[in-house]
């Protein structure tokens, strides 16, 4: 799904992808960064804070 959105808006228009820190998003993000060299994946800071407070 993320790759489809990047394709729709154009890779040159996307610099960073912010996602939830769930393991499957991390794997997909790494695959996306391998495929599209100009992108960078960033985990959501709010999600990390929520995890620390649990």
N, C-alpha and C. Protein backbone atom coordinates (compact mmCIF):
# COMPACT_ATOMS: atom_id res chain seq x y z
N UNK A 1 0.81 -1.18 0.00
CA UNK A 1 0.00 0.00 0.00
C UNK A 1 0.87 1.26 0.00
N UNK A 2 1.90 1.29 0.81
CA UNK A 2 2.77 2.46 0.86
C UNK A 2 3.43 2.68 -0.50
N UNK A 3 3.88 1.59 -1.12
CA UNK A 3 4.52 1.69 -2.43
C UNK A 3 3.56 2.24 -3.46
N UNK A 4 2.29 1.86 -3.38
CA UNK A 4 1.28 2.36 -4.32
C UNK A 4 1.08 3.86 -4.16
N UNK A 5 1.08 4.34 -2.93
CA UNK A 5 0.92 5.77 -2.69
C UNK A 5 2.13 6.53 -3.23
N UNK A 6 3.33 6.00 -2.98
CA UNK A 6 4.54 6.64 -3.50
C UNK A 6 4.49 6.68 -5.03
N UNK A 7 4.05 5.61 -5.64
CA UNK A 7 3.93 5.55 -7.09
C UNK A 7 2.93 6.60 -7.59
N UNK A 8 1.82 6.75 -6.88
CA UNK A 8 0.77 7.68 -7.29
C UNK A 8 1.24 9.13 -7.23
N UNK A 9 1.90 9.52 -6.15
CA UNK A 9 2.32 10.91 -6.00
C UNK A 9 3.67 11.19 -6.63
N UNK A 10 4.40 10.14 -6.95
CA UNK A 10 5.71 10.30 -7.57
C UNK A 10 6.82 10.22 -6.54
N UNK A 11 7.76 9.34 -6.78
CA UNK A 11 8.85 9.13 -5.82
C UNK A 11 9.62 10.42 -5.55
N UNK A 12 9.74 11.28 -6.56
CA UNK A 12 10.48 12.53 -6.38
C UNK A 12 9.76 13.50 -5.44
N UNK A 13 8.49 13.26 -5.16
CA UNK A 13 7.71 14.11 -4.27
C UNK A 13 7.62 13.57 -2.84
N UNK A 14 8.22 12.42 -2.58
CA UNK A 14 8.19 11.81 -1.26
C UNK A 14 9.62 11.70 -0.74
N UNK A 15 9.85 12.26 0.44
CA UNK A 15 11.18 12.21 1.03
C UNK A 15 11.21 11.27 2.22
N UNK A 16 10.14 11.29 3.00
CA UNK A 16 10.12 10.55 4.25
C UNK A 16 8.76 9.87 4.43
N UNK A 17 8.79 8.67 4.99
CA UNK A 17 7.57 7.94 5.31
C UNK A 17 7.58 7.69 6.82
N UNK A 18 6.55 8.18 7.51
CA UNK A 18 6.44 7.98 8.96
C UNK A 18 5.40 6.89 9.19
N UNK A 19 5.80 5.84 9.93
CA UNK A 19 4.90 4.72 10.16
C UNK A 19 4.84 4.37 11.64
N UNK A 20 3.89 3.54 11.95
CA UNK A 20 3.79 2.94 13.27
C UNK A 20 5.02 2.06 13.46
N UNK A 21 5.38 1.77 14.67
CA UNK A 21 6.60 1.00 14.93
C UNK A 21 6.35 -0.50 15.03
N UNK A 22 5.26 -0.99 14.45
CA UNK A 22 4.95 -2.41 14.46
C UNK A 22 5.94 -3.14 13.54
N UNK A 23 6.30 -4.35 13.90
CA UNK A 23 7.34 -5.09 13.18
C UNK A 23 7.07 -5.22 11.69
N UNK A 24 5.82 -5.47 11.29
CA UNK A 24 5.55 -5.63 9.87
C UNK A 24 5.75 -4.33 9.10
N UNK A 25 5.48 -3.18 9.71
CA UNK A 25 5.74 -1.90 9.05
C UNK A 25 7.25 -1.69 8.89
N UNK A 26 8.02 -2.12 9.87
CA UNK A 26 9.47 -1.98 9.77
C UNK A 26 10.01 -2.78 8.60
N UNK A 27 9.52 -4.00 8.44
CA UNK A 27 9.98 -4.85 7.34
C UNK A 27 9.59 -4.25 6.00
N UNK A 28 8.34 -3.81 5.89
CA UNK A 28 7.87 -3.20 4.64
C UNK A 28 8.66 -1.92 4.36
N UNK A 29 8.92 -1.14 5.39
CA UNK A 29 9.69 0.09 5.20
C UNK A 29 11.10 -0.18 4.70
N UNK A 30 11.73 -1.20 5.24
CA UNK A 30 13.08 -1.55 4.78
C UNK A 30 13.05 -2.01 3.33
N UNK A 31 12.03 -2.78 2.96
CA UNK A 31 11.89 -3.22 1.57
C UNK A 31 11.67 -2.01 0.65
N UNK A 32 10.85 -1.07 1.10
CA UNK A 32 10.57 0.12 0.31
C UNK A 32 11.82 0.97 0.14
N UNK A 33 12.61 1.13 1.20
CA UNK A 33 13.85 1.91 1.09
C UNK A 33 14.86 1.23 0.17
N UNK A 34 14.84 -0.10 0.12
CA UNK A 34 15.72 -0.82 -0.79
C UNK A 34 15.29 -0.59 -2.23
N UNK A 35 13.99 -0.59 -2.47
CA UNK A 35 13.46 -0.41 -3.82
C UNK A 35 13.58 1.04 -4.28
N UNK A 36 13.32 1.96 -3.39
CA UNK A 36 13.30 3.39 -3.73
C UNK A 36 14.37 4.09 -2.89
N UNK A 37 15.51 4.29 -3.49
CA UNK A 37 16.70 4.77 -2.77
C UNK A 37 16.55 6.17 -2.17
N UNK A 38 15.61 6.98 -2.68
CA UNK A 38 15.46 8.35 -2.19
C UNK A 38 14.56 8.49 -0.99
N UNK A 39 14.01 7.38 -0.48
CA UNK A 39 13.08 7.45 0.64
C UNK A 39 13.75 7.07 1.95
N UNK A 40 13.19 7.59 3.03
CA UNK A 40 13.68 7.26 4.36
C UNK A 40 12.49 6.97 5.26
N UNK A 41 12.54 5.88 5.98
CA UNK A 41 11.46 5.47 6.88
C UNK A 41 11.76 5.94 8.29
N UNK A 42 10.76 6.54 8.94
CA UNK A 42 10.90 7.00 10.31
C UNK A 42 9.77 6.42 11.16
N UNK A 43 10.09 5.74 12.25
CA UNK A 43 9.02 5.25 13.12
C UNK A 43 8.36 6.43 13.85
N UNK A 44 7.11 6.29 14.15
CA UNK A 44 6.34 7.33 14.82
C UNK A 44 6.83 7.51 16.27
N UNK A 45 7.23 8.71 16.62
CA UNK A 45 7.73 8.98 17.97
C UNK A 45 6.62 8.84 19.01
N UNK A 46 5.41 9.23 18.67
CA UNK A 46 4.30 9.13 19.63
C UNK A 46 4.04 7.67 19.99
N UNK A 47 4.17 6.78 19.03
CA UNK A 47 3.95 5.36 19.31
C UNK A 47 5.02 4.85 20.27
N UNK A 48 6.25 5.28 20.08
CA UNK A 48 7.33 4.86 20.99
C UNK A 48 7.08 5.36 22.41
N UNK A 49 6.63 6.59 22.54
CA UNK A 49 6.33 7.15 23.87
C UNK A 49 5.20 6.35 24.52
N UNK A 50 4.17 6.02 23.75
CA UNK A 50 3.08 5.20 24.29
C UNK A 50 3.60 3.87 24.81
N UNK A 51 4.50 3.25 24.06
CA UNK A 51 5.06 1.97 24.49
C UNK A 51 5.85 2.11 25.78
N UNK A 52 6.59 3.21 25.93
CA UNK A 52 7.36 3.42 27.14
C UNK A 52 6.46 3.62 28.36
N UNK A 53 5.30 4.22 28.14
CA UNK A 53 4.40 4.53 29.25
C UNK A 53 3.52 3.35 29.66
N UNK A 54 3.51 2.30 28.86
CA UNK A 54 2.68 1.13 29.20
C UNK A 54 3.24 0.37 30.38
